[in-house]
Each structure stands twice: as C-alpha cells, then as structure tokens.
Amino acid sequence: MTQSMINAIVKVLSPTQKKAVYDMGFGSLLKLDMDVVPGLLNYYLLDVYDPESNRLMMENGVLEITKELVHKMMGLAMEGDDLCRMPYYETGNEILEEWKVLSIL
C-alpha cells in the first residue's frame, strides 16, 4: 500500500471509523499527512537502510529500527496479525460488515 493510498483512505473515513482506528491504537496514522513526505526523503532512507541489520546507516550515526521505536514514534501496536498474511475479505465476514456499517454513521 502506498503513502497516497493510505492518505486517501484516511480522508474518507467517517468520524466513527476514525474513533475505531484510534481506539485500536492506530490514532497516530490519522494525524499523518502522507502527501507531504518529500520523495527525496524516501530515496534517502532506502539508500541508508541496511535490511540485514534493520538499521539506518547515516553519516551522523546509526538508528536501529525496532518495534519499540516504531511504537514510540508512530504509536503503532507492537503485536498483532501480519496484514500481509491475512485472508482476503469474504462475504459474511462479521467484523468487516460491522466496519462497513460504521462508515455510514
């Protein structure tokens, strides 16, 4: 999922859905304006990222990327299901149906 896709989704969430996102511990995502992230910053981070050590190897120092750091900086949950491994939505999924109802409130 791209930055612009996430930003577009956040913009169309209903107030009830936004509250649900906040209540799940992902409220910081609602505050990010991902349209303003400079493209060059993305390239720089990719250039200095070492996937083997999970670190940003910058001129002024090294930053180790940990789940605790991501939680502290972005407020994201440290545990949970891997979104990439979750099954696609199927008709009759009670949780998704409930979420869809929230979008019209």
PDB file of N, CA and C in Angstrom:
ATOM      1  N   MET A   1       0.848  -1.167   0.000  1.00  0.00           N
ATOM      2  CA  MET A   1       0.000   0.000   0.000  1.00  0.00           C
ATOM      3  C   MET A   1       0.897   1.235   0.000  1.00  0.00           C
ATOM      4  N   THR A   2       0.601   2.174  -0.871  1.00  0.00           N
ATOM      5  CA  THR A   2       1.430   3.367  -0.990  1.00  0.00           C
ATOM      6  C   THR A   2       0.989   4.443  -0.006  1.00  0.00           C
ATOM      7  N   GLN A   3       1.843   5.453   0.147  1.00  0.00           N
ATOM      8  CA  GLN A   3       1.518   6.572   1.026  1.00  0.00           C
ATOM      9  C   GLN A   3       0.241   7.260   0.577  1.00  0.00           C
ATOM     10  N   SER A   4       0.111   7.490  -0.716  1.00  0.00           N
ATOM     11  CA  SER A   4      -1.067   8.194  -1.214  1.00  0.00           C
ATOM     12  C   SER A   4      -2.338   7.375  -1.013  1.00  0.00           C
ATOM     13  N   MET A   5      -2.232   6.054  -1.092  1.00  0.00           N
ATOM     14  CA  MET A   5      -3.401   5.200  -0.855  1.00  0.00           C
ATOM     15  C   MET A   5      -3.848   5.312   0.600  1.00  0.00           C
ATOM     16  N   ILE A   6      -2.893   5.259   1.530  1.00  0.00           N
ATOM     17  CA  ILE A   6      -3.232   5.377   2.952  1.00  0.00           C
ATOM     18  C   ILE A   6      -3.852   6.741   3.219  1.00  0.00           C
ATOM     19  N   ASN A   7      -3.265   7.788   2.662  1.00  0.00           N
ATOM     20  CA  ASN A   7      -3.780   9.135   2.859  1.00  0.00           C
ATOM     21  C   ASN A   7      -5.201   9.258   2.313  1.00  0.00           C
ATOM     22  N   ALA A   8      -5.457   8.670   1.148  1.00  0.00           N
ATOM     23  CA  ALA A   8      -6.793   8.719   0.549  1.00  0.00           C
ATOM     24  C   ALA A   8      -7.809   7.989   1.422  1.00  0.00           C
ATOM     25  N   ILE A   9      -7.411   6.861   1.981  1.00  0.00           N
ATOM     26  CA  ILE A   9      -8.311   6.101   2.851  1.00  0.00           C
ATOM     27  C   ILE A   9      -8.641   6.894   4.102  1.00  0.00           C
ATOM     28  N   VAL A  10      -7.615   7.492   4.718  1.00  0.00           N
ATOM     29  CA  VAL A  10      -7.824   8.265   5.949  1.00  0.00           C
ATOM     30  C   VAL A  10      -8.781   9.421   5.697  1.00  0.00           C
ATOM     31  N   LYS A  11      -8.683  10.048   4.531  1.00  0.00           N
ATOM     32  CA  LYS A  11      -9.528  11.204   4.224  1.00  0.00           C
ATOM     33  C   LYS A  11     -11.006  10.851   4.112  1.00  0.00           C
ATOM     34  N   VAL A  12     -11.340   9.617   3.772  1.00  0.00           N
ATOM     35  CA  VAL A  12     -12.749   9.263   3.581  1.00  0.00           C
ATOM     36  C   VAL A  12     -13.345   8.490   4.756  1.00  0.00           C
ATOM     37  N   LEU A  13     -12.571   8.282   5.807  1.00  0.00           N
ATOM     38  CA  LEU A  13     -13.115   7.586   6.972  1.00  0.00           C
ATOM     39  C   LEU A  13     -14.162   8.454   7.659  1.00  0.00           C
ATOM     40  N   SER A  14     -15.219   7.818   8.108  1.00  0.00           N
ATOM     41  CA  SER A  14     -16.237   8.535   8.868  1.00  0.00           C
ATOM     42  C   SER A  14     -15.692   8.818  10.269  1.00  0.00           C
ATOM     43  N   PRO A  15     -16.294   9.762  10.995  1.00  0.00           N
ATOM     44  CA  PRO A  15     -15.848  10.016  12.370  1.00  0.00           C
ATOM     45  C   PRO A  15     -15.897   8.758  13.246  1.00  0.00           C
ATOM     46  N   THR A  16     -16.889   7.915  13.028  1.00  0.00           N
ATOM     47  CA  THR A  16     -16.995   6.678  13.804  1.00  0.00           C
ATOM     48  C   THR A  16     -15.847   5.736  13.481  1.00  0.00           C
ATOM     49  N   GLN A  17     -15.487   5.638  12.199  1.00  0.00           N
ATOM     50  CA  GLN A  17     -14.359   4.793  11.805  1.00  0.00           C
ATOM     51  C   GLN A  17     -13.050   5.343  12.369  1.00  0.00           C
ATOM     52  N   LYS A  18     -12.890   6.671  12.323  1.00  0.00           N
ATOM     53  CA  LYS A  18     -11.680   7.277  12.878  1.00  0.00           C
ATOM     54  C   LYS A  18     -11.561   6.980  14.369  1.00  0.00           C
ATOM     55  N   LYS A  19     -12.679   7.044  15.079  1.00  0.00           N
ATOM     56  CA  LYS A  19     -12.651   6.719  16.506  1.00  0.00           C
ATOM     57  C   LYS A  19     -12.256   5.263  16.710  1.00  0.00           C
ATOM     58  N   ALA A  20     -12.763   4.374  15.867  1.00  0.00           N
ATOM     59  CA  ALA A  20     -12.414   2.955  15.975  1.00  0.00           C
ATOM     60  C   ALA A  20     -10.925   2.747  15.725  1.00  0.00           C
ATOM     61  N   VAL A  21     -10.367   3.442  14.735  1.00  0.00           N
ATOM     62  CA  VAL A  21      -8.926   3.345  14.453  1.00  0.00           C
ATOM     63  C   VAL A  21      -8.140   3.828  15.664  1.00  0.00           C
ATOM     64  N   TYR A  22      -8.565   4.947  16.241  1.00  0.00           N
ATOM     65  CA  TYR A  22      -7.902   5.495  17.424  1.00  0.00           C
ATOM     66  C   TYR A  22      -7.994   4.510  18.594  1.00  0.00           C
ATOM     67  N   ASP A  23      -9.170   3.948  18.804  1.00  0.00           N
ATOM     68  CA  ASP A  23      -9.377   3.003  19.908  1.00  0.00           C
ATOM     69  C   ASP A  23      -8.538   1.734  19.753  1.00  0.00           C
ATOM     70  N   MET A  24      -8.209   1.360  18.508  1.00  0.00           N
ATOM     71  CA  MET A  24      -7.378   0.177  18.264  1.00  0.00           C
ATOM     72  C   MET A  24      -5.891   0.469  18.463  1.00  0.00           C
ATOM     73  N   GLY A  25      -5.545   1.735  18.722  1.00  0.00           N
ATOM     74  CA  GLY A  25      -4.154   2.076  18.959  1.00  0.00           C
ATOM     75  C   GLY A  25      -3.416   2.603  17.749  1.00  0.00           C
ATOM     76  N   PHE A  26      -4.146   2.934  16.688  1.00  0.00           N
ATOM     77  CA  PHE A  26      -3.511   3.424  15.468  1.00  0.00           C
ATOM     78  C   PHE A  26      -3.852   4.888  15.193  1.00  0.00           C
ATOM     79  N   GLY A  27      -4.207   5.626  16.228  1.00  0.00           N
ATOM     80  CA  GLY A  27      -4.612   7.017  16.073  1.00  0.00           C
ATOM     81  C   GLY A  27      -3.571   7.905  15.426  1.00  0.00           C
ATOM     82  N   SER A  28      -2.301   7.591  15.638  1.00  0.00           N
ATOM     83  CA  SER A  28      -1.247   8.432  15.058  1.00  0.00           C
ATOM     84  C   SER A  28      -1.289   8.410  13.532  1.00  0.00           C
ATOM     85  N   LEU A  29      -1.773   7.323  12.939  1.00  0.00           N
ATOM     86  CA  LEU A  29      -1.870   7.262  11.478  1.00  0.00           C
ATOM     87  C   LEU A  29      -2.858   8.292  10.942  1.00  0.00           C
ATOM     88  N   LEU A  30      -3.855   8.639  11.756  1.00  0.00           N
ATOM     89  CA  LEU A  30      -4.847   9.609  11.317  1.00  0.00           C
ATOM     90  C   LEU A  30      -4.268  11.016  11.274  1.00  0.00           C
ATOM     91  N   LYS A  31      -3.176  11.247  11.984  1.00  0.00           N
ATOM     92  CA  LYS A  31      -2.577  12.580  12.054  1.00  0.00           C
ATOM     93  C   LYS A  31      -1.503  12.801  10.995  1.00  0.00           C
ATOM     94  N   LEU A  32      -1.079  11.749  10.335  1.00  0.00           N
ATOM     95  CA  LEU A  32      -0.026  11.875   9.339  1.00  0.00           C
ATOM     96  C   LEU A  32      -0.586  12.427   8.038  1.00  0.00           C
ATOM     97  N   ASP A  33       0.084  13.426   7.498  1.00  0.00           N
ATOM     98  CA  ASP A  33      -0.275  13.923   6.170  1.00  0.00           C
ATOM     99  C   ASP A  33       0.752  13.351   5.209  1.00  0.00           C
ATOM    100  N   MET A  34       0.458  12.178   4.695  1.00  0.00           N
ATOM    101  CA  MET A  34       1.444  11.454   3.906  1.00  0.00           C
ATOM    102  C   MET A  34       1.629  12.022   2.509  1.00  0.00           C
ATOM    103  N   ASP A  35       0.832  13.013   2.124  1.00  0.00           N
ATOM    104  CA  ASP A  35       1.032  13.643   0.822  1.00  0.00           C
ATOM    105  C   ASP A  35       2.228  14.586   0.832  1.00  0.00           C
ATOM    106  N   VAL A  36       2.672  14.992   2.022  1.00  0.00           N
ATOM    107  CA  VAL A  36       3.745  15.979   2.087  1.00  0.00           C
ATOM    108  C   VAL A  36       5.116  15.367   2.340  1.00  0.00           C
ATOM    109  N   VAL A  37       5.201  14.042   2.424  1.00  0.00           N
ATOM    110  CA  VAL A  37       6.510  13.412   2.608  1.00  0.00           C
ATOM    111  C   VAL A  37       7.319  13.612   1.334  1.00  0.00           C
ATOM    112  N   PRO A  38       8.438  14.323   1.433  1.00  0.00           N
ATOM    113  CA  PRO A  38       9.228  14.567   0.219  1.00  0.00           C
ATOM    114  C   PRO A  38       9.734  13.269  -0.389  1.00  0.00           C
ATOM    115  N   GLY A  39       9.624  13.173  -1.705  1.00  0.00           N
ATOM    116  CA  GLY A  39      10.075  11.973  -2.400  1.00  0.00           C
ATOM    117  C   GLY A  39      11.542  11.684  -2.189  1.00  0.00           C
ATOM    118  N   LEU A  40      12.357  12.737  -2.116  1.00  0.00           N
ATOM    119  CA  LEU A  40      13.789  12.532  -1.929  1.00  0.00           C
ATOM    120  C   LEU A  40      14.099  11.908  -0.576  1.00  0.00           C
ATOM    121  N   LEU A  41      13.296  12.217   0.431  1.00  0.00           N
ATOM    122  CA  LEU A  41      13.494  11.606   1.747  1.00  0.00           C
ATOM    123  C   LEU A  41      13.301  10.100   1.653  1.00  0.00           C
ATOM    124  N   ASN A  42      12.295   9.684   0.900  1.00  0.00           N
ATOM    125  CA  ASN A  42      12.059   8.247   0.721  1.00  0.00           C
ATOM    126  C   ASN A  42      13.274   7.569   0.105  1.00  0.00           C
ATOM    127  N   TYR A  43      13.825   8.188  -0.940  1.00  0.00           N
ATOM    128  CA  TYR A  43      15.001   7.612  -1.596  1.00  0.00           C
ATOM    129  C   TYR A  43      16.206   7.592  -0.660  1.00  0.00           C
ATOM    130  N   TYR A  44      16.370   8.659   0.113  1.00  0.00           N
ATOM    131  CA  TYR A  44      17.488   8.719   1.056  1.00  0.00           C
ATOM    132  C   TYR A  44      17.382   7.587   2.077  1.00  0.00           C
ATOM    133  N   LEU A  45      16.187   7.412   2.635  1.00  0.00           N
ATOM    134  CA  LEU A  45      16.002   6.357   3.640  1.00  0.00           C
ATOM    135  C   LEU A  45      16.272   4.977   3.046  1.00  0.00           C
ATOM    136  N   LEU A  46      15.850   4.770   1.812  1.00  0.00           N
ATOM    137  CA  LEU A  46      16.141   3.493   1.157  1.00  0.00           C
ATOM    138  C   LEU A  46      17.634   3.310   0.936  1.00  0.00           C
ATOM    139  N   ASP A  47      18.321   4.392   0.613  1.00  0.00           N
ATOM    140  CA  ASP A  47      19.765   4.314   0.386  1.00  0.00           C
ATOM    141  C   ASP A  47      20.537   3.978   1.654  1.00  0.00           C
ATOM    142  N   VAL A  48      20.108   4.517   2.792  1.00  0.00           N
ATOM    143  CA  VAL A  48      20.878   4.321   4.027  1.00  0.00           C
ATOM    144  C   VAL A  48      20.376   3.136   4.854  1.00  0.00           C
ATOM    145  N   TYR A  49      19.301   2.499   4.420  1.00  0.00           N
ATOM    146  CA  TYR A  49      18.743   1.371   5.180  1.00  0.00           C
ATOM    147  C   TYR A  49      19.517   0.093   4.890  1.00  0.00           C
ATOM    148  N   ASP A  50      19.894  -0.604   5.966  1.00  0.00           N
ATOM    149  CA  ASP A  50      20.561  -1.903   5.859  1.00  0.00           C
ATOM    150  C   ASP A  50      19.566  -2.971   6.310  1.00  0.00           C
ATOM    151  N   PRO A  51      18.977  -3.729   5.372  1.00  0.00           N
ATOM    152  CA  PRO A  51      17.955  -4.710   5.738  1.00  0.00           C
ATOM    153  C   PRO A  51      18.485  -5.859   6.594  1.00  0.00           C
ATOM    154  N   GLU A  52      19.764  -6.155   6.496  1.00  0.00           N
ATOM    155  CA  GLU A  52      20.316  -7.259   7.291  1.00  0.00           C
ATOM    156  C   GLU A  52      20.366  -6.917   8.777  1.00  0.00           C
ATOM    157  N   SER A  53      20.682  -5.663   9.091  1.00  0.00           N
ATOM    158  CA  SER A  53      20.758  -5.265  10.499  1.00  0.00           C
ATOM    159  C   SER A  53      19.533  -4.483  10.946  1.00  0.00           C
ATOM    160  N   ASN A  54      18.642  -4.160  10.005  1.00  0.00           N
ATOM    161  CA  ASN A  54      17.447  -3.373  10.280  1.00  0.00           C
ATOM    162  C   ASN A  54      17.822  -2.014  10.874  1.00  0.00           C
ATOM    163  N   ARG A  55      18.809  -1.364  10.240  1.00  0.00           N
ATOM    164  CA  ARG A  55      19.308  -0.080  10.732  1.00  0.00           C
ATOM    165  C   ARG A  55      19.396   0.935   9.597  1.00  0.00           C
ATOM    166  N   LEU A  56      19.296   2.201   9.987  1.00  0.00           N
ATOM    167  CA  LEU A  56      19.592   3.302   9.085  1.00  0.00           C
ATOM    168  C   LEU A  56      21.033   3.706   9.358  1.00  0.00           C
ATOM    169  N   MET A  57      21.888   3.539   8.355  1.00  0.00           N
ATOM    170  CA  MET A  57      23.322   3.816   8.497  1.00  0.00           C
ATOM    171  C   MET A  57      23.605   5.208   7.924  1.00  0.00           C
ATOM    172  N   MET A  58      23.466   6.231   8.771  1.00  0.00           N
ATOM    173  CA  MET A  58      23.608   7.615   8.323  1.00  0.00           C
ATOM    174  C   MET A  58      24.990   8.160   8.669  1.00  0.00           C
ATOM    175  N   GLU A  59      25.328   9.305   8.069  1.00  0.00           N
ATOM    176  CA  GLU A  59      26.632   9.926   8.311  1.00  0.00           C
ATOM    177  C   GLU A  59      26.843  10.258   9.784  1.00  0.00           C
ATOM    178  N   ASN A  60      25.802  10.757  10.436  1.00  0.00           N
ATOM    179  CA  ASN A  60      25.925  11.224  11.819  1.00  0.00           C
ATOM    180  C   ASN A  60      25.672  10.143  12.854  1.00  0.00           C
ATOM    181  N   GLY A  61      25.334   8.949  12.429  1.00  0.00           N
ATOM    182  CA  GLY A  61      25.073   7.884  13.377  1.00  0.00           C
ATOM    183  C   GLY A  61      24.218   6.787  12.787  1.00  0.00           C
ATOM    184  N   VAL A  62      23.924   5.838  13.636  1.00  0.00           N
ATOM    185  CA  VAL A  62      23.159   4.661  13.236  1.00  0.00           C
ATOM    186  C   VAL A  62      21.872   4.629  14.047  1.00  0.00           C
ATOM    187  N   LEU A  63      20.769   4.326  13.381  1.00  0.00           N
ATOM    188  CA  LEU A  63      19.484   4.211  14.055  1.00  0.00           C
ATOM    189  C   LEU A  63      18.944   2.812  13.820  1.00  0.00           C
ATOM    190  N   GLU A  64      18.823   2.043  14.893  1.00  0.00           N
ATOM    191  CA  GLU A  64      18.266   0.697  14.775  1.00  0.00           C
ATOM    192  C   GLU A  64      16.746   0.790  14.798  1.00  0.00           C
ATOM    193  N   ILE A  65      16.117   0.172  13.820  1.00  0.00           N
ATOM    194  CA  ILE A  65      14.665   0.183  13.718  1.00  0.00           C
ATOM    195  C   ILE A  65      14.127  -1.019  14.491  1.00  0.00           C
ATOM    196  N   THR A  66      13.407  -0.746  15.561  1.00  0.00           N
ATOM    197  CA  THR A  66      12.814  -1.805  16.381  1.00  0.00           C
ATOM    198  C   THR A  66      11.312  -1.570  16.479  1.00  0.00           C
ATOM    199  N   LYS A  67      10.588  -2.596  16.873  1.00  0.00           N
ATOM    200  CA  LYS A  67       9.146  -2.417  17.036  1.00  0.00           C
ATOM    201  C   LYS A  67       8.857  -1.428  18.157  1.00  0.00           C
ATOM    202  N   GLU A  68       9.734  -1.381  19.162  1.00  0.00           N
ATOM    203  CA  GLU A  68       9.549  -0.430  20.260  1.00  0.00           C
ATOM    204  C   GLU A  68       9.721   1.010  19.765  1.00  0.00           C
ATOM    205  N   LEU A  69      10.710   1.225  18.886  1.00  0.00           N
ATOM    206  CA  LEU A  69      10.946   2.560  18.336  1.00  0.00           C
ATOM    207  C   LEU A  69       9.776   2.992  17.453  1.00  0.00           C
ATOM    208  N   VAL A  70       9.308   2.091  16.615  1.00  0.00           N
ATOM    209  CA  VAL A  70       8.164   2.408  15.750  1.00  0.00           C
ATOM    210  C   VAL A  70       6.939   2.714  16.602  1.00  0.00           C
ATOM    211  N   HIS A  71       6.737   1.949  17.669  1.00  0.00           N
ATOM    212  CA  HIS A  71       5.616   2.193  18.582  1.00  0.00           C
ATOM    213  C   HIS A  71       5.748   3.573  19.227  1.00  0.00           C
ATOM    214  N   LYS A  72       6.950   3.889  19.692  1.00  0.00           N
ATOM    215  CA  LYS A  72       7.183   5.166  20.372  1.00  0.00           C
ATOM    216  C   LYS A  72       7.000   6.349  19.422  1.00  0.00           C
ATOM    217  N   MET A  73       7.488   6.227  18.194  1.00  0.00           N
ATOM    218  CA  MET A  73       7.444   7.349  17.257  1.00  0.00           C
ATOM    219  C   MET A  73       6.096   7.503  16.566  1.00  0.00           C
ATOM    220  N   MET A  74       5.420   6.383  16.290  1.00  0.00           N
ATOM    221  CA  MET A  74       4.193   6.455  15.499  1.00  0.00           C
ATOM    222  C   MET A  74       2.956   6.001  16.255  1.00  0.00           C
ATOM    223  N   GLY A  75       3.155   5.422  17.435  1.00  0.00           N
ATOM    224  CA  GLY A  75       2.016   4.959  18.205  1.00  0.00           C
ATOM    225  C   GLY A  75       1.389   3.691  17.671  1.00  0.00           C
ATOM    226  N   LEU A  76       2.097   2.963  16.810  1.00  0.00           N
ATOM    227  CA  LEU A  76       1.552   1.729  16.244  1.00  0.00           C
ATOM    228  C   LEU A  76       1.686   0.585  17.236  1.00  0.00           C
ATOM    229  N   ALA A  77       0.762  -0.343  17.165  1.00  0.00           N
ATOM    230  CA  ALA A  77       0.797  -1.510  18.040  1.00  0.00           C
ATOM    231  C   ALA A  77       2.058  -2.327  17.773  1.00  0.00           C
ATOM    232  N   MET A  78       2.604  -2.934  18.830  1.00  0.00           N
ATOM    233  CA  MET A  78       3.829  -3.727  18.686  1.00  0.00           C
ATOM    234  C   MET A  78       3.535  -5.193  18.404  1.00  0.00           C
ATOM    235  N   GLU A  79       2.328  -5.626  18.621  1.00  0.00           N
ATOM    236  CA  GLU A  79       1.956  -7.026  18.410  1.00  0.00           C
ATOM    237  C   GLU A  79       0.700  -7.069  17.557  1.00  0.00           C
ATOM    238  N   GLY A  80       0.446  -8.221  16.994  1.00  0.00           N
ATOM    239  CA  GLY A  80      -0.779  -8.388  16.230  1.00  0.00           C
ATOM    240  C   GLY A  80      -0.573  -9.260  15.017  1.00  0.00           C
ATOM    241  N   ASP A  81      -1.597  -9.326  14.198  1.00  0.00           N
ATOM    242  CA  ASP A  81      -1.561 -10.149  12.996  1.00  0.00           C
ATOM    243  C   ASP A  81      -0.756  -9.467  11.898  1.00  0.00           C
ATOM    244  N   ASP A  82      -0.078 -10.254  11.096  1.00  0.00           N
ATOM    245  CA  ASP A  82       0.645  -9.758   9.930  1.00  0.00           C
ATOM    246  C   ASP A  82      -0.387  -9.488   8.834  1.00  0.00           C
ATOM    247  N   LEU A  83      -0.557  -8.217   8.475  1.00  0.00           N
ATOM    248  CA  LEU A  83      -1.575  -7.853   7.492  1.00  0.00           C
ATOM    249  C   LEU A  83      -1.359  -8.532   6.150  1.00  0.00           C
ATOM    250  N   CYS A  84      -0.105  -8.784   5.796  1.00  0.00           N
ATOM    251  CA  CYS A  84       0.189  -9.422   4.507  1.00  0.00           C
ATOM    252  C   CYS A  84      -0.228 -10.886   4.480  1.00  0.00           C
ATOM    253  N   ARG A  85      -0.402 -11.473   5.629  1.00  0.00           N
ATOM    254  CA  ARG A  85      -0.769 -12.892   5.695  1.00  0.00           C
ATOM    255  C   ARG A  85      -2.253 -13.116   5.997  1.00  0.00           C
ATOM    256  N   MET A  86      -2.985 -12.025   6.155  1.00  0.00           N
ATOM    257  CA  MET A  86      -4.404 -12.159   6.464  1.00  0.00           C
ATOM    258  C   MET A  86      -5.171 -12.533   5.197  1.00  0.00           C
ATOM    259  N   PRO A  87      -6.222 -13.332   5.333  1.00  0.00           N
ATOM    260  CA  PRO A  87      -7.005 -13.715   4.156  1.00  0.00           C
ATOM    261  C   PRO A  87      -7.795 -12.524   3.621  1.00  0.00           C
ATOM    262  N   TYR A  88      -8.104 -12.579   2.333  1.00  0.00           N
ATOM    263  CA  TYR A  88      -8.917 -11.537   1.736  1.00  0.00           C
ATOM    264  C   TYR A  88     -10.325 -11.609   2.300  1.00  0.00           C
ATOM    265  N   TYR A  89     -11.023 -10.501   2.239  1.00  0.00           N
ATOM    266  CA  TYR A  89     -12.391 -10.419   2.722  1.00  0.00           C
ATOM    267  C   TYR A  89     -13.301 -11.338   1.920  1.00  0.00           C
ATOM    268  N   GLU A  90     -14.129 -12.018   2.631  1.00  0.00           N
ATOM    269  CA  GLU A  90     -15.151 -12.845   2.001  1.00  0.00           C
ATOM    270  C   GLU A  90     -16.507 -12.385   2.506  1.00  0.00           C
ATOM    271  N   THR A  91     -17.519 -12.502   1.679  1.00  0.00           N
ATOM    272  CA  THR A  91     -18.864 -12.125   2.076  1.00  0.00           C
ATOM    273  C   THR A  91     -19.244 -12.880   3.342  1.00  0.00           C
ATOM    274  N   GLY A  92     -19.837 -12.157   4.263  1.00  0.00           N
ATOM    275  CA  GLY A  92     -20.254 -12.777   5.509  1.00  0.00           C
ATOM    276  C   GLY A  92     -19.274 -12.565   6.652  1.00  0.00           C
ATOM    277  N   ASN A  93     -18.174 -11.849   6.418  1.00  0.00           N
ATOM    278  CA  ASN A  93     -17.209 -11.557   7.467  1.00  0.00           C
ATOM    279  C   ASN A  93     -17.844 -10.550   8.420  1.00  0.00           C
ATOM    280  N   GLU A  94     -18.165 -10.988   9.645  1.00  0.00           N
ATOM    281  CA  GLU A  94     -18.903 -10.151  10.587  1.00  0.00           C
ATOM    282  C   GLU A  94     -18.160  -8.869  10.936  1.00  0.00           C
ATOM    283  N   ILE A  95     -16.856  -8.958  11.116  1.00  0.00           N
ATOM    284  CA  ILE A  95     -16.078  -7.780  11.502  1.00  0.00           C
ATOM    285  C   ILE A  95     -16.097  -6.737  10.395  1.00  0.00           C
ATOM    286  N   LEU A  96     -15.894  -7.171   9.150  1.00  0.00           N
ATOM    287  CA  LEU A  96     -15.892  -6.222   8.044  1.00  0.00           C
ATOM    288  C   LEU A  96     -17.287  -5.645   7.823  1.00  0.00           C
ATOM    289  N   GLU A  97     -18.296  -6.452   7.977  1.00  0.00           N
ATOM    290  CA  GLU A  97     -19.662  -5.951   7.828  1.00  0.00           C
ATOM    291  C   GLU A  97     -19.947  -4.882   8.886  1.00  0.00           C
ATOM    292  N   GLU A  98     -19.466  -5.098  10.113  1.00  0.00           N
ATOM    293  CA  GLU A  98     -19.643  -4.109  11.181  1.00  0.00           C
ATOM    294  C   GLU A  98     -18.889  -2.822  10.838  1.00  0.00           C
ATOM    295  N   TRP A  99     -17.682  -2.965  10.289  1.00  0.00           N
ATOM    296  CA  TRP A  99     -16.882  -1.804   9.891  1.00  0.00           C
ATOM    297  C   TRP A  99     -17.597  -1.014   8.795  1.00  0.00           C
ATOM    298  N   LYS A 100     -18.212  -1.719   7.845  1.00  0.00           N
ATOM    299  CA  LYS A 100     -18.929  -1.049   6.765  1.00  0.00           C
ATOM    300  C   LYS A 100     -20.114  -0.263   7.314  1.00  0.00           C
ATOM    301  N   VAL A 101     -20.771  -0.799   8.327  1.00  0.00           N
ATOM    302  CA  VAL A 101     -21.888  -0.095   8.952  1.00  0.00           C
ATOM    303  C   VAL A 101     -21.385   1.194   9.597  1.00  0.00           C
ATOM    304  N   LEU A 102     -20.197   1.140  10.219  1.00  0.00           N
ATOM    305  CA  LEU A 102     -19.627   2.331  10.852  1.00  0.00           C
ATOM    306  C   LEU A 102     -19.380   3.440   9.840  1.00  0.00           C
ATOM    307  N   SER A 103     -19.107   3.084   8.592  1.00  0.00           N
ATOM    308  CA  SER A 103     -18.783   4.093   7.581  1.00  0.00           C
ATOM    309  C   SER A 103     -19.979   4.949   7.208  1.00  0.00           C
ATOM    310  N   ILE A 104     -21.181   4.474   7.481  1.00  0.00           N
ATOM    311  CA  ILE A 104     -22.361   5.260   7.114  1.00  0.00           C
ATOM    312  C   ILE A 104     -22.947   6.010   8.302  1.00  0.00           C
ATOM    313  N   LEU A 105     -22.365   5.835   9.473  1.00  0.00           N
ATOM    314  CA  LEU A 105     -22.870   6.538  10.664  1.00  0.00           C
ATOM    315  C   LEU A 105     -22.376   7.962  10.718  1.00  0.00           C
TER     316      LEU A 105
END
